[in-house]
PDB file of N, CA and C in Angstrom:
ATOM      1  N   MET A   1     126.625  92.987  14.534  1.00  0.00           N
ATOM      2  CA  MET A   1     127.234  92.308  15.872  1.00  0.00           C
ATOM      3  C   MET A   1     128.122  90.846  14.495  1.00  0.00           C
ATOM      4  N   ILE A   2     129.081  90.765  15.193  1.00  0.00           N
ATOM      5  CA  ILE A   2     129.963  89.430  14.923  1.00  0.00           C
ATOM      6  C   ILE A   2     129.906  88.598  15.168  1.00  0.00           C
ATOM      7  N   ILE A   3     129.498  87.079  14.228  1.00  0.00           N
ATOM      8  CA  ILE A   3     129.480  85.622  14.721  1.00  0.00           C
ATOM      9  C   ILE A   3     130.863  85.431  15.303  1.00  0.00           C
ATOM     10  N   PRO A   4     131.549  84.595  16.073  1.00  0.00           N
ATOM     11  CA  PRO A   4     132.543  84.226  15.593  1.00  0.00           C
ATOM     12  C   PRO A   4     132.663  82.567  15.759  1.00  0.00           C
ATOM     13  N   SER A   5     133.651  82.169  15.177  1.00  0.00           N
ATOM     14  CA  SER A   5     133.821  80.964  14.259  1.00  0.00           C
ATOM     15  C   SER A   5     134.136  79.881  15.501  1.00  0.00           C
ATOM     16  N   SER A   6     134.710  80.617  16.623  1.00  0.00           N
ATOM     17  CA  SER A   6     135.292  79.738  18.053  1.00  0.00           C
ATOM     18  C   SER A   6     135.489  81.111  19.024  1.00  0.00           C
ATOM     19  N   PHE A   7     134.880  80.112  20.422  1.00  0.00           N
ATOM     20  CA  PHE A   7     135.698  81.423  21.468  1.00  0.00           C
ATOM     21  C   PHE A   7     135.929  80.359  22.939  1.00  0.00           C
ATOM     22  N   ASN A   8     136.735  80.807  23.584  1.00  0.00           N
ATOM     23  CA  ASN A   8     136.710  79.829  25.278  1.00  0.00           C
ATOM     24  C   ASN A   8     136.128  80.157  25.784  1.00  0.00           C
ATOM     25  N   MET A   9     136.052  79.239  26.448  1.00  0.00           N
ATOM     26  CA  MET A   9     135.056  79.276  27.581  1.00  0.00           C
ATOM     27  C   MET A   9     135.130  78.269  28.578  1.00  0.00           C
ATOM     28  N   LEU A  10     136.157  78.538  30.048  1.00  0.00           N
ATOM     29  CA  LEU A  10     136.184  77.890  31.083  1.00  0.00           C
ATOM     30  C   LEU A  10     137.471  77.039  30.195  1.00  0.00           C
ATOM     31  N   GLY A  11     138.506  77.063  29.369  1.00  0.00           N
ATOM     32  CA  GLY A  11     139.650  76.416  29.274  1.00  0.00           C
ATOM     33  C   GLY A  11     139.052  75.661  27.916  1.00  0.00           C
ATOM     34  N   GLN A  12     138.118  75.666  27.181  1.00  0.00           N
ATOM     35  CA  GLN A  12     137.648  75.048  26.551  1.00  0.00           C
ATOM     36  C   GLN A  12     137.238  75.804  25.019  1.00  0.00           C
ATOM     37  N   THR A  13     137.688  75.083  24.245  1.00  0.00           N
ATOM     38  CA  THR A  13     136.955  75.471  22.621  1.00  0.00           C
ATOM     39  C   THR A  13     136.188  75.443  22.086  1.00  0.00           C
ATOM     40  N   ILE A  14     135.129  76.422  22.290  1.00  0.00           N
ATOM     41  CA  ILE A  14     133.811  76.162  21.531  1.00  0.00           C
ATOM     42  C   ILE A  14     133.505  76.581  19.816  1.00  0.00           C
ATOM     43  N   VAL A  15     133.460  75.368  19.201  1.00  0.00           N
ATOM     44  CA  VAL A  15     132.852  76.157  17.984  1.00  0.00           C
ATOM     45  C   VAL A  15     131.923  76.669  17.172  1.00  0.00           C
ATOM     46  N   VAL A  16     131.969  76.895  16.426  1.00  0.00           N
ATOM     47  CA  VAL A  16     130.582  77.723  16.241  1.00  0.00           C
ATOM     48  C   VAL A  16     130.517  77.890  14.506  1.00  0.00           C
ATOM     49  N   LYS A  17     129.857  77.014  13.963  1.00  0.00           N
ATOM     50  CA  LYS A  17     129.877  76.322  12.833  1.00  0.00           C
ATOM     51  C   LYS A  17     127.937  76.615  11.936  1.00  0.00           C
ATOM     52  N   TYR A  18     128.218  76.531  10.803  1.00  0.00           N
ATOM     53  CA  TYR A  18     126.777  76.848  10.172  1.00  0.00           C
ATOM     54  C   TYR A  18     126.739  75.216   9.411  1.00  0.00           C
ATOM     55  N   ASP A  19     125.387  74.966   8.964  1.00  0.00           N
ATOM     56  CA  ASP A  19     124.983  73.730   8.805  1.00  0.00           C
ATOM     57  C   ASP A  19     123.390  74.091   8.441  1.00  0.00           C
ATOM     58  N   ASN A  20     123.365  74.585   7.582  1.00  0.00           N
ATOM     59  CA  ASN A  20     121.942  74.717   6.800  1.00  0.00           C
ATOM     60  C   ASN A  20     121.215  72.962   6.803  1.00  0.00           C
ATOM     61  N   LYS A  21     121.901  72.366   6.094  1.00  0.00           N
ATOM     62  CA  LYS A  21     121.420  70.615   6.391  1.00  0.00           C
ATOM     63  C   LYS A  21     120.995  70.199   7.727  1.00  0.00           C
ATOM     64  N   TYR A  22     122.187  70.147   8.545  1.00  0.00           N
ATOM     65  CA  TYR A  22     121.626  69.496   9.617  1.00  0.00           C
ATOM     66  C   TYR A  22     120.428  70.576  10.055  1.00  0.00           C
ATOM     67  N   CYS A  23     120.074  71.764  10.277  1.00  0.00           N
ATOM     68  CA  CYS A  23     118.987  72.023  10.926  1.00  0.00           C
ATOM     69  C   CYS A  23     118.389  71.763  10.097  1.00  0.00           C
ATOM     70  N   ALA A  24     118.233  71.384   8.810  1.00  0.00           N
ATOM     71  CA  ALA A  24     116.802  71.465   8.290  1.00  0.00           C
ATOM     72  C   ALA A  24     116.282  70.241   8.679  1.00  0.00           C
ATOM     73  N   GLU A  25     116.690  69.328   8.718  1.00  0.00           N
ATOM     74  CA  GLU A  25     117.023  67.754   9.026  1.00  0.00           C
ATOM     75  C   GLU A  25     116.285  67.392  10.647  1.00  0.00           C
ATOM     76  N   ASN A  26     116.594  68.568  11.388  1.00  0.00           N
ATOM     77  CA  ASN A  26     116.621  68.439  12.354  1.00  0.00           C
ATOM     78  C   ASN A  26     114.873  69.964  12.707  1.00  0.00           C
ATOM     79  N   GLU A  27     114.741  70.225  12.063  1.00  0.00           N
ATOM     80  CA  GLU A  27     113.438  71.403  12.084  1.00  0.00           C
ATOM     81  C   GLU A  27     114.338  72.372  13.239  1.00  0.00           C
ATOM     82  N   CYS A  28     115.243  72.937  13.337  1.00  0.00           N
ATOM     83  CA  CYS A  28     115.706  73.913  13.878  1.00  0.00           C
ATOM     84  C   CYS A  28     116.531  75.039  13.787  1.00  0.00           C
ATOM     85  N   PHE A  29     116.596  76.275  14.207  1.00  0.00           N
ATOM     86  CA  PHE A  29     117.756  77.183  13.141  1.00  0.00           C
ATOM     87  C   PHE A  29     119.225  77.121  14.266  1.00  0.00           C
ATOM     88  N   GLY A  30     119.158  76.291  15.242  1.00  0.00           N
ATOM     89  CA  GLY A  30     120.095  76.108  15.821  1.00  0.00           C
ATOM     90  C   GLY A  30     120.546  75.130  16.758  1.00  0.00           C
ATOM     91  N   ARG A  31     121.668  74.366  17.084  1.00  0.00           N
ATOM     92  CA  ARG A  31     122.191  74.018  18.211  1.00  0.00           C
ATOM     93  C   ARG A  31     123.493  74.371  19.349  1.00  0.00           C
ATOM     94  N   PHE A  32     123.053  73.892  20.374  1.00  0.00           N
ATOM     95  CA  PHE A  32     124.740  73.442  21.354  1.00  0.00           C
ATOM     96  C   PHE A  32     124.633  71.815  21.401  1.00  0.00           C
ATOM     97  N   ILE A  33     125.999  71.625  21.051  1.00  0.00           N
ATOM     98  CA  ILE A  33     125.885  70.379  21.252  1.00  0.00           C
ATOM     99  C   ILE A  33     127.014  70.174  22.255  1.00  0.00           C
ATOM    100  N   SER A  34     126.633  69.931  23.338  1.00  0.00           N
ATOM    101  CA  SER A  34     127.951  70.239  24.576  1.00  0.00           C
ATOM    102  C   SER A  34     128.666  69.088  24.565  1.00  0.00           C
ATOM    103  N   TYR A  35     128.429  67.877  24.806  1.00  0.00           N
ATOM    104  CA  TYR A  35     129.158  66.577  24.209  1.00  0.00           C
ATOM    105  C   TYR A  35     130.143  66.805  23.484  1.00  0.00           C
ATOM    106  N   ASP A  36     130.294  67.803  22.439  1.00  0.00           N
ATOM    107  CA  ASP A  36     131.290  68.489  21.105  1.00  0.00           C
ATOM    108  C   ASP A  36     131.602  69.746  21.244  1.00  0.00           C
ATOM    109  N   ASN A  37     131.018  70.213  22.643  1.00  0.00           N
ATOM    110  CA  ASN A  37     131.306  71.979  22.470  1.00  0.00           C
ATOM    111  C   ASN A  37     131.258  72.792  21.161  1.00  0.00           C
ATOM    112  N   ILE A  38     129.733  72.212  20.379  1.00  0.00           N
ATOM    113  CA  ILE A  38     129.587  73.037  19.194  1.00  0.00           C
ATOM    114  C   ILE A  38     128.300  73.781  19.414  1.00  0.00           C
ATOM    115  N   ILE A  39     128.455  75.292  18.704  1.00  0.00           N
ATOM    116  CA  ILE A  39     127.110  75.361  18.348  1.00  0.00           C
ATOM    117  C   ILE A  39     126.456  75.511  16.739  1.00  0.00           C
ATOM    118  N   ILE A  40     126.007  75.120  16.372  1.00  0.00           N
ATOM    119  CA  ILE A  40     125.633  75.057  15.049  1.00  0.00           C
ATOM    120  C   ILE A  40     124.445  76.111  15.182  1.00  0.00           C
ATOM    121  N   ILE A  41     124.682  76.621  14.472  1.00  0.00           N
ATOM    122  CA  ILE A  41     123.456  77.475  13.371  1.00  0.00           C
ATOM    123  C   ILE A  41     123.279  77.544  11.835  1.00  0.00           C
ATOM    124  N   ALA A  42     121.898  77.980  11.808  1.00  0.00           N
ATOM    125  CA  ALA A  42     121.456  77.985   9.845  1.00  0.00           C
ATOM    126  C   ALA A  42     121.439  79.383   9.853  1.00  0.00           C
ATOM    127  N   SER A  43     122.094  79.325   8.919  1.00  0.00           N
ATOM    128  CA  SER A  43     121.985  80.753   7.459  1.00  0.00           C
ATOM    129  C   SER A  43     120.846  80.699   6.713  1.00  0.00           C
ATOM    130  N   LYS A  44     120.390  79.841   6.273  1.00  0.00           N
ATOM    131  CA  LYS A  44     119.420  79.814   5.428  1.00  0.00           C
ATOM    132  C   LYS A  44     118.519  78.494   5.807  1.00  0.00           C
ATOM    133  N   TYR A  45     117.776  78.684   5.159  1.00  0.00           N
ATOM    134  CA  TYR A  45     115.961  77.113   5.197  1.00  0.00           C
ATOM    135  C   TYR A  45     115.860  77.324   3.628  1.00  0.00           C
ATOM    136  N   LYS A  46     115.293  75.816   4.149  1.00  0.00           N
ATOM    137  CA  LYS A  46     114.851  75.146   2.447  1.00  0.00           C
ATOM    138  C   LYS A  46     113.434  75.408   2.214  1.00  0.00           C
ATOM    139  N   GLY A  47     113.309  76.384   0.951  1.00  0.00           N
ATOM    140  CA  GLY A  47     111.972  76.647   0.461  1.00  0.00           C
ATOM    141  C   GLY A  47     111.649  76.228  -0.632  1.00  0.00           C
ATOM    142  N   GLU A  48     110.551  76.603  -0.696  1.00  0.00           N
ATOM    143  CA  GLU A  48     109.679  75.947  -2.235  1.00  0.00           C
ATOM    144  C   GLU A  48     110.487  75.870  -3.411  1.00  0.00           C
ATOM    145  N   LYS A  49     111.272  77.271  -2.835  1.00  0.00           N
ATOM    146  CA  LYS A  49     112.126  77.882  -3.782  1.00  0.00           C
ATOM    147  C   LYS A  49     113.447  77.230  -3.802  1.00  0.00           C
ATOM    148  N   GLY A  50     114.081  76.643  -2.825  1.00  0.00           N
ATOM    149  CA  GLY A  50     115.409  76.161  -2.656  1.00  0.00           C
ATOM    150  C   GLY A  50     115.820  76.968  -1.543  1.00  0.00           C
ATOM    151  N   TRP A  51     116.876  76.988  -1.504  1.00  0.00           N
ATOM    152  CA  TRP A  51     117.491  78.022  -0.505  1.00  0.00           C
ATOM    153  C   TRP A  51     117.361  79.246   0.045  1.00  0.00           C
ATOM    154  N   ARG A  52     117.194  79.635   0.639  1.00  0.00           N
ATOM    155  CA  ARG A  52     116.649  81.363   1.594  1.00  0.00           C
ATOM    156  C   ARG A  52     117.309  82.169   2.328  1.00  0.00           C
ATOM    157  N   LYS A  53     117.883  82.978   2.597  1.00  0.00           N
ATOM    158  CA  LYS A  53     118.745  83.528   3.631  1.00  0.00           C
ATOM    159  C   LYS A  53     117.926  83.924   4.383  1.00  0.00           C
ATOM    160  N   TYR A  54     118.164  83.678   5.822  1.00  0.00           N
ATOM    161  CA  TYR A  54     117.354  84.409   7.194  1.00  0.00           C
ATOM    162  C   TYR A  54     117.785  85.567   6.934  1.00  0.00           C
ATOM    163  N   LYS A  55     117.325  86.455   7.417  1.00  0.00           N
ATOM    164  CA  LYS A  55     117.593  87.705   7.744  1.00  0.00           C
ATOM    165  C   LYS A  55     118.487  87.605   8.943  1.00  0.00           C
ATOM    166  N   GLN A  56     119.600  88.658   9.009  1.00  0.00           N
ATOM    167  CA  GLN A  56     120.799  88.488   9.712  1.00  0.00           C
ATOM    168  C   GLN A  56     119.968  88.496  11.320  1.00  0.00           C
ATOM    169  N   SER A  57     119.299  89.558  11.786  1.00  0.00           N
ATOM    170  CA  SER A  57     119.203  89.588  12.945  1.00  0.00           C
ATOM    171  C   SER A  57     118.688  88.255  13.483  1.00  0.00           C
ATOM    172  N   ILE A  58     117.931  86.903  12.289  1.00  0.00           N
ATOM    173  CA  ILE A  58     117.301  86.004  13.303  1.00  0.00           C
ATOM    174  C   ILE A  58     118.602  85.160  13.458  1.00  0.00           C
ATOM    175  N   VAL A  59     119.749  84.754  12.802  1.00  0.00           N
ATOM    176  CA  VAL A  59     120.973  84.307  12.827  1.00  0.00           C
ATOM    177  C   VAL A  59     121.719  84.963  13.860  1.00  0.00           C
ATOM    178  N   GLU A  60     121.792  86.056  14.277  1.00  0.00           N
ATOM    179  CA  GLU A  60     122.651  86.707  15.078  1.00  0.00           C
ATOM    180  C   GLU A  60     121.699  86.415  16.609  1.00  0.00           C
ATOM    181  N   SER A  61     120.244  86.625  16.625  1.00  0.00           N
ATOM    182  CA  SER A  61     119.635  85.598  17.448  1.00  0.00           C
ATOM    183  C   SER A  61     119.410  84.867  18.099  1.00  0.00           C
ATOM    184  N   THR A  62     119.482  83.781  17.363  1.00  0.00           N
ATOM    185  CA  THR A  62     119.955  82.112  17.138  1.00  0.00           C
ATOM    186  C   THR A  62     121.343  82.123  17.841  1.00  0.00           C
ATOM    187  N   PHE A  63     122.731  82.479  17.517  1.00  0.00           N
ATOM    188  CA  PHE A  63     123.381  82.387  18.108  1.00  0.00           C
ATOM    189  C   PHE A  63     123.184  82.815  19.650  1.00  0.00           C
ATOM    190  N   CYS A  64     123.041  84.122  19.374  1.00  0.00           N
ATOM    191  CA  CYS A  64     122.907  84.597  21.147  1.00  0.00           C
ATOM    192  C   CYS A  64     121.753  83.158  21.963  1.00  0.00           C
ATOM    193  N   HIS A  65     121.183  82.831  21.326  1.00  0.00           N
ATOM    194  CA  HIS A  65     120.050  81.947  21.929  1.00  0.00           C
ATOM    195  C   HIS A  65     121.223  80.542  22.520  1.00  0.00           C
ATOM    196  N   GLU A  66     122.054  79.958  21.572  1.00  0.00           N
ATOM    197  CA  GLU A  66     122.981  78.819  21.814  1.00  0.00           C
ATOM    198  C   GLU A  66     123.873  79.263  22.616  1.00  0.00           C
ATOM    199  N   LEU A  67     124.355  80.544  22.153  1.00  0.00           N
ATOM    200  CA  LEU A  67     125.365  81.001  23.636  1.00  0.00           C
ATOM    201  C   LEU A  67     124.686  81.048  24.977  1.00  0.00           C
ATOM    202  N   ALA A  68     123.761  81.025  25.166  1.00  0.00           N
ATOM    203  CA  ALA A  68     122.977  80.969  26.335  1.00  0.00           C
ATOM    204  C   ALA A  68     123.052  79.723  26.987  1.00  0.00           C
ATOM    205  N   HIS A  69     122.547  78.588  26.315  1.00  0.00           N
ATOM    206  CA  HIS A  69     122.744  77.183  26.255  1.00  0.00           C
ATOM    207  C   HIS A  69     124.237  76.877  26.970  1.00  0.00           C
ATOM    208  N   CYS A  70     125.181  77.355  26.472  1.00  0.00           N
ATOM    209  CA  CYS A  70     126.445  76.773  26.388  1.00  0.00           C
ATOM    210  C   CYS A  70     127.446  77.718  27.777  1.00  0.00           C
ATOM    211  N   ILE A  71     126.308  79.152  28.235  1.00  0.00           N
ATOM    212  CA  ILE A  71     126.853  79.186  29.084  1.00  0.00           C
ATOM    213  C   ILE A  71     126.537  78.899  30.243  1.00  0.00           C
ATOM    214  N   LEU A  72     125.013  78.389  30.285  1.00  0.00           N
ATOM    215  CA  LEU A  72     124.556  77.626  31.332  1.00  0.00           C
ATOM    216  C   LEU A  72     125.267  76.623  31.505  1.00  0.00           C
ATOM    217  N   TYR A  73     125.221  75.562  31.056  1.00  0.00           N
ATOM    218  CA  TYR A  73     125.928  74.445  30.918  1.00  0.00           C
ATOM    219  C   TYR A  73     127.081  74.231  31.286  1.00  0.00           C
ATOM    220  N   HIS A  74     128.268  75.415  31.065  1.00  0.00           N
ATOM    221  CA  HIS A  74     129.566  75.549  31.490  1.00  0.00           C
ATOM    222  C   HIS A  74     129.385  76.008  33.017  1.00  0.00           C
ATOM    223  N   SER A  75     128.406  76.360  33.464  1.00  0.00           N
ATOM    224  CA  SER A  75     128.556  77.068  34.216  1.00  0.00           C
ATOM    225  C   SER A  75     128.416  76.442  35.844  1.00  0.00           C
ATOM    226  N   GLY A  76     127.532  74.531  35.336  1.00  0.00           N
ATOM    227  CA  GLY A  76     126.892  74.143  35.656  1.00  0.00           C
ATOM    228  C   GLY A  76     125.361  74.084  36.254  1.00  0.00           C
ATOM    229  N   ASN A  77     124.978  75.048  35.657  1.00  0.00           N
ATOM    230  CA  ASN A  77     123.188  75.033  35.973  1.00  0.00           C
ATOM    231  C   ASN A  77     122.462  74.367  35.181  1.00  0.00           C
ATOM    232  N   PRO A  78     121.574  73.205  36.460  1.00  0.00           N
ATOM    233  CA  PRO A  78     121.358  72.444  35.782  1.00  0.00           C
ATOM    234  C   PRO A  78     119.981  72.820  35.058  1.00  0.00           C
ATOM    235  N   ASP A  79     119.176  74.232  34.605  1.00  0.00           N
ATOM    236  CA  ASP A  79     118.052  74.238  33.880  1.00  0.00           C
ATOM    237  C   ASP A  79     119.116  75.062  32.761  1.00  0.00           C
ATOM    238  N   TRP A  80     120.311  74.258  32.351  1.00  0.00           N
ATOM    239  CA  TRP A  80     120.529  74.797  30.757  1.00  0.00           C
ATOM    240  C   TRP A  80     119.623  74.501  29.895  1.00  0.00           C
ATOM    241  N   MET A  81     118.740  73.572  29.530  1.00  0.00           N
ATOM    242  CA  MET A  81     118.203  73.145  28.552  1.00  0.00           C
ATOM    243  C   MET A  81     116.750  73.638  29.188  1.00  0.00           C
ATOM    244  N   ASN A  82     115.811  75.177  29.615  1.00  0.00           N
ATOM    245  CA  ASN A  82     115.104  75.088  29.695  1.00  0.00           C
ATOM    246  C   ASN A  82     114.611  76.409  28.826  1.00  0.00           C
ATOM    247  N   GLU A  83     114.019  75.776  28.200  1.00  0.00           N
ATOM    248  CA  GLU A  83     114.092  77.039  26.635  1.00  0.00           C
ATOM    249  C   GLU A  83     113.417  78.638  27.205  1.00  0.00           C
ATOM    250  N   GLN A  84     112.478  78.582  27.860  1.00  0.00           N
ATOM    251  CA  GLN A  84     112.365  80.008  28.372  1.00  0.00           C
ATOM    252  C   GLN A  84     112.989  80.930  29.019  1.00  0.00           C
ATOM    253  N   LEU A  85     114.459  80.203  30.139  1.00  0.00           N
ATOM    254  CA  LEU A  85     115.124  80.870  30.662  1.00  0.00           C
ATOM    255  C   LEU A  85     116.216  80.800  29.581  1.00  0.00           C
ATOM    256  N   VAL A  86     116.390  80.280  28.618  1.00  0.00           N
ATOM    257  CA  VAL A  86     117.676  80.443  27.689  1.00  0.00           C
ATOM    258  C   VAL A  86     116.864  81.593  26.369  1.00  0.00           C
ATOM    259  N   GLU A  87     115.814  81.640  26.141  1.00  0.00           N
ATOM    260  CA  GLU A  87     115.320  82.254  25.353  1.00  0.00           C
ATOM    261  C   GLU A  87     115.088  84.306  26.036  1.00  0.00           C
ATOM    262  N   SER A  88     115.130  83.797  27.210  1.00  0.00           N
ATOM    263  CA  SER A  88     114.992  85.537  28.026  1.00  0.00           C
ATOM    264  C   SER A  88     116.550  86.094  28.068  1.00  0.00           C
ATOM    265  N   ILE A  89     117.747  85.129  28.636  1.00  0.00           N
ATOM    266  CA  ILE A  89     118.707  85.656  28.367  1.00  0.00           C
ATOM    267  C   ILE A  89     119.490  85.984  26.998  1.00  0.00           C
ATOM    268  N   ALA A  90     119.310  84.621  25.711  1.00  0.00           N
ATOM    269  CA  ALA A  90     119.635  85.395  24.977  1.00  0.00           C
ATOM    270  C   ALA A  90     119.024  86.478  24.311  1.00  0.00           C
ATOM    271  N   GLY A  91     117.650  86.869  24.437  1.00  0.00           N
ATOM    272  CA  GLY A  91     117.137  88.133  24.135  1.00  0.00           C
ATOM    273  C   GLY A  91     117.555  89.227  24.553  1.00  0.00           C
ATOM    274  N   LEU A  92     117.957  89.167  25.960  1.00  0.00           N
ATOM    275  CA  LEU A  92     118.680  90.469  26.499  1.00  0.00           C
ATOM    276  C   LEU A  92     119.656  90.492  25.619  1.00  0.00           C
ATOM    277  N   LEU A  93     120.933  89.206  25.956  1.00  0.00           N
ATOM    278  CA  LEU A  93     122.121  88.951  25.805  1.00  0.00           C
ATOM    279  C   LEU A  93     122.363  89.955  24.134  1.00  0.00           C
ATOM    280  N   HIS A  94     120.932  89.389  23.707  1.00  0.00           N
ATOM    281  CA  HIS A  94     121.002  90.340  21.890  1.00  0.00           C
ATOM    282  C   HIS A  94     120.726  91.956  21.775  1.00  0.00           C
ATOM    283  N   GLN A  95     119.976  91.460  22.502  1.00  0.00           N
ATOM    284  CA  GLN A  95     119.764  93.323  22.635  1.00  0.00           C
ATOM    285  C   GLN A  95     121.175  94.510  23.273  1.00  0.00           C
ATOM    286  N   TYR A  96     121.540  93.605  23.916  1.00  0.00           N
ATOM    287  CA  TYR A  96     122.962  94.753  24.604  1.00  0.00           C
ATOM    288  C   TYR A  96     123.754  94.327  23.644  1.00  0.00           C
ATOM    289  N   LEU A  97     124.097  93.250  22.890  1.00  0.00           N
ATOM    290  CA  LEU A  97     125.139  93.526  21.323  1.00  0.00           C
ATOM    291  C   LEU A  97     124.862  94.273  20.365  1.00  0.00           C
ATOM    292  N   THR A  98     124.009  94.271  19.986  1.00  0.00           N
ATOM    293  CA  THR A  98     123.625  95.102  19.240  1.00  0.00           C
ATOM    294  C   THR A  98     123.168  96.291  19.170  1.00  0.00           C
ATOM    295  N   THR A  99     122.720  96.487  20.826  1.00  0.00           N
ATOM    296  CA  THR A  99     122.366  98.530  20.671  1.00  0.00           C
ATOM    297  C   THR A  99     123.670  99.035  21.414  1.00  0.00           C
ATOM    298  N   ASN A 100     124.493  98.500  21.834  1.00  0.00           N
ATOM    299  CA  ASN A 100     125.541  98.897  22.850  1.00  0.00           C
ATOM    300  C   ASN A 100     126.524  99.937  22.022  1.00  0.00           C
ATOM    301  N   LYS A 101     126.914 101.274  22.423  1.00  0.00           N
ATOM    302  CA  LYS A 101     128.157 102.042  21.499  1.00  0.00           C
ATOM    303  C   LYS A 101     128.747 102.197  22.418  1.00  0.00           C
TER     304      LYS A 101
END
């Protein structure tokens, strides 16, 4: 699965960036920042022996999770921050994107 550096949604550009330091400081795998149209994801985490890479599947599923937040937000869905709903959508989206042929 290819994670884009940006994409358009309803005429707005959504920027996707990797920021391991931000995610470490905020104890998250990723975040959708609605007021800036940015999806931040981590590709590494800080362990006892320094920075270590996440498995690619974790990075991909994190992107799908934040994308689900983004889609729900831009569609005007008031549940765009409902983690259970977002995780369900993200899991289905990730499975589709990684298994379609």
